[in-house]
C-alpha atoms as a PDB file:
ATOM      1  CA  MET A   1       4.582  12.182  17.636  1.00  0.00           C
ATOM      2  CA  ALA A   2       4.539   9.802  21.147  1.00  0.00           C
ATOM      3  CA  ARG A   3       6.965  12.672  22.714  1.00  0.00           C
ATOM      4  CA  ALA A   4       5.060  15.628  22.579  1.00  0.00           C
ATOM      5  CA  ALA A   5       2.155  13.981  24.196  1.00  0.00           C
ATOM      6  CA  LEU A   6       3.943  12.704  27.087  1.00  0.00           C
ATOM      7  CA  VAL A   7       3.346   8.645  26.248  1.00  0.00           C
ATOM      8  CA  PRO A   8       7.042   7.736  28.118  1.00  0.00           C
ATOM      9  CA  VAL A   9       8.701   5.190  24.722  1.00  0.00           C
ATOM     10  CA  GLN A  10      11.894   2.751  24.827  1.00  0.00           C
ATOM     11  CA  MET A  11      13.374   2.210  22.725  1.00  0.00           C
ATOM     12  CA  LEU A  12      14.256  -1.974  21.934  1.00  0.00           C
ATOM     13  CA  VAL A  13      16.833  -4.292  19.403  1.00  0.00           C
ATOM     14  CA  ARG A  14      15.938  -7.303  18.836  1.00  0.00           C
ATOM     15  CA  TRP A  15      17.862 -10.273  17.064  1.00  0.00           C
ATOM     16  CA  GLY A  16      15.646 -13.461  15.335  1.00  0.00           C
ATOM     17  CA  THR A  17      12.408 -13.736  13.501  1.00  0.00           C
ATOM     18  CA  PRO A  18      10.524 -10.378  13.916  1.00  0.00           C
ATOM     19  CA  GLY A  19       6.823 -11.481  14.477  1.00  0.00           C
ATOM     20  CA  ALA A  20       7.805 -14.145  17.226  1.00  0.00           C
ATOM     21  CA  GLU A  21       9.732 -10.987  18.511  1.00  0.00           C
ATOM     22  CA  ILE A  22       7.142  -8.390  18.362  1.00  0.00           C
ATOM     23  CA  CYS A  23       5.104 -11.098  19.919  1.00  0.00           C
ATOM     24  CA  ARG A  24       7.781 -11.442  22.833  1.00  0.00           C
ATOM     25  CA  VAL A  25       8.106  -8.324  23.934  1.00  0.00           C
ATOM     26  CA  ALA A  26       4.888  -7.791  23.974  1.00  0.00           C
ATOM     27  CA  THR A  27       4.720 -10.104  26.503  1.00  0.00           C
ATOM     28  CA  GLU A  28       7.202  -9.298  28.526  1.00  0.00           C
ATOM     29  CA  HIS A  29       6.328  -5.470  28.788  1.00  0.00           C
ATOM     30  CA  HIS A  30       2.049  -6.556  29.175  1.00  0.00           C
ATOM     31  CA  SER A  31       1.363  -4.270  26.675  1.00  0.00           C
ATOM     32  CA  ASP A  32      -2.672  -3.469  25.468  1.00  0.00           C
ATOM     33  CA  LEU A  33      -1.492  -2.326  22.094  1.00  0.00           C
ATOM     34  CA  ILE A  34       0.825  -3.724  19.813  1.00  0.00           C
ATOM     35  CA  VAL A  35       0.497  -0.898  16.472  1.00  0.00           C
ATOM     36  CA  MET A  36       1.674  -1.688  13.384  1.00  0.00           C
ATOM     37  CA  SER A  37       2.242  -0.746   9.655  1.00  0.00           C
ATOM     38  CA  THR A  38       1.622  -2.883   6.479  1.00  0.00           C
ATOM     39  CA  HIS A  39       2.686  -2.957   3.120  1.00  0.00           C
ATOM     40  CA  GLY A  40      -0.804  -4.371   1.919  1.00  0.00           C
ATOM     41  CA  HIS A  41       0.783  -7.441  -0.075  1.00  0.00           C
ATOM     42  CA  THR A  42      -1.747 -10.546  -0.619  1.00  0.00           C
ATOM     43  CA  GLY A  43      -1.951 -13.591  -1.881  1.00  0.00           C
ATOM     44  CA  LEU A  44       0.937 -14.098  -3.558  1.00  0.00           C
ATOM     45  CA  ALA A  45       3.198 -11.600  -2.219  1.00  0.00           C
ATOM     46  CA  LEU A  46       1.689 -12.657   0.958  1.00  0.00           C
ATOM     47  CA  GLU A  47       2.896 -16.169   1.142  1.00  0.00           C
ATOM     48  CA  ALA A  48       6.367 -16.044  -1.388  1.00  0.00           C
ATOM     49  CA  ILE A  49       7.877 -14.007   1.443  1.00  0.00           C
ATOM     50  CA  GLY A  50       5.517 -13.640   5.305  1.00  0.00           C
ATOM     51  CA  SER A  51       3.837 -11.268   6.811  1.00  0.00           C
ATOM     52  CA  VAL A  52       5.284 -10.842  10.062  1.00  0.00           C
ATOM     53  CA  ALA A  53       2.024  -8.070  10.395  1.00  0.00           C
ATOM     54  CA  ASP A  54      -0.431 -11.693   9.622  1.00  0.00           C
ATOM     55  CA  VAL A  55       2.318 -13.604  12.440  1.00  0.00           C
ATOM     56  CA  VAL A  56       2.060 -10.983  14.807  1.00  0.00           C
ATOM     57  CA  ILE A  57      -2.392 -10.899  14.482  1.00  0.00           C
ATOM     58  CA  ARG A  58      -1.949 -14.822  14.653  1.00  0.00           C
ATOM     59  CA  HIS A  59       0.051 -14.521  18.093  1.00  0.00           C
ATOM     60  CA  ALA A  60       0.164 -11.593  19.818  1.00  0.00           C
ATOM     61  CA  PRO A  61      -0.685 -11.347  23.696  1.00  0.00           C
ATOM     62  CA  CYS A  62      -3.370  -8.408  22.633  1.00  0.00           C
ATOM     63  CA  ALA A  63      -5.138  -6.249  20.163  1.00  0.00           C
ATOM     64  CA  VAL A  64      -3.019  -5.258  17.558  1.00  0.00           C
ATOM     65  CA  LEU A  65      -3.756  -1.764  15.323  1.00  0.00           C
ATOM     66  CA  ILE A  66      -2.561  -2.156  11.638  1.00  0.00           C
ATOM     67  CA  LEU A  67      -2.012   0.582   9.514  1.00  0.00           C
ATOM     68  CA  ARG A  68      -2.357   0.159   5.504  1.00  0.00           C
ATOM     69  CA  ALA A  69       1.135   2.425   4.528  1.00  0.00           C
ATOM     70  CA  SER A  70      -0.105   4.848   1.965  1.00  0.00           C
ATOM     71  CA  ARG A  71       2.131   4.118  -0.809  1.00  0.00           C
ATOM     72  CA  ALA A  72       4.321   7.729  -0.681  1.00  0.00           C
ATOM     73  CA  SER A  73       5.355   6.482   2.534  1.00  0.00           C
ATOM     74  CA  ALA A  74       5.957   2.596   1.480  1.00  0.00           C
ATOM     75  CA  ALA A  75       8.602   3.675  -1.040  1.00  0.00           C
ATOM     76  CA  SER A  76      10.278   5.934   0.788  1.00  0.00           C
ATOM     77  CA  SER A  77      10.948   3.979   4.012  1.00  0.00           C
ATOM     78  CA  GLN A  78      12.679   0.674   1.513  1.00  0.00           C
ATOM     79  CA  HIS A  79      15.485   2.840   1.630  1.00  0.00           C
ATOM     80  CA  THR A  80      15.342   3.571   5.507  1.00  0.00           C
ATOM     81  CA  ALA A  81      16.256   1.644   8.969  1.00  0.00           C
ATOM     82  CA  PRO A  82      13.645   0.368  10.552  1.00  0.00           C
ATOM     83  CA  VAL A  83      13.136   1.444  14.124  1.00  0.00           C
ATOM     84  CA  ALA A  84      11.729  -0.505  16.481  1.00  0.00           C
ATOM     85  CA  GLN A  85       9.506   0.871  19.742  1.00  0.00           C
ATOM     86  CA  SER A  86       8.198  -0.010  22.590  1.00  0.00           C
ATOM     87  CA  ILE A  87       5.340   2.748  23.079  1.00  0.00           C
ATOM     88  CA  THR A  88       4.077   1.658  27.437  1.00  0.00           C
ATOM     89  CA  MET A  89       0.507   2.917  28.669  1.00  0.00           C
ATOM     90  CA  GLU A  90      -1.059   2.909  31.578  1.00  0.00           C
ATOM     91  CA  ALA A  91      -4.466   2.307  31.792  1.00  0.00           C
ATOM     92  CA  GLY A  92      -7.185   5.658  31.941  1.00  0.00           C
ATOM     93  CA  ALA A  93      -4.006   7.349  29.157  1.00  0.00           C
ATOM     94  CA  LEU A  94      -6.348   7.632  26.667  1.00  0.00           C
END
């Protein structure tokens, strides 16, 4: 979708703690917005496994938009490898 809208997309692979690395990349790239999906774990499930979204919300250097995954997409994504993307947009592009 980003490519169709002519938004520059850069693929990155980073090793480390996911939440910390997402925040680090956002800082390095002077990002204005982080958009990410969550599976919606709450309560004990959140405490037991931790939440990347929670870490990013608390430590991000910019605004964070969280989208809750639908049950169908969450179930299918468990069997595929995640891909990290950094999208850089110029001011006024929206």
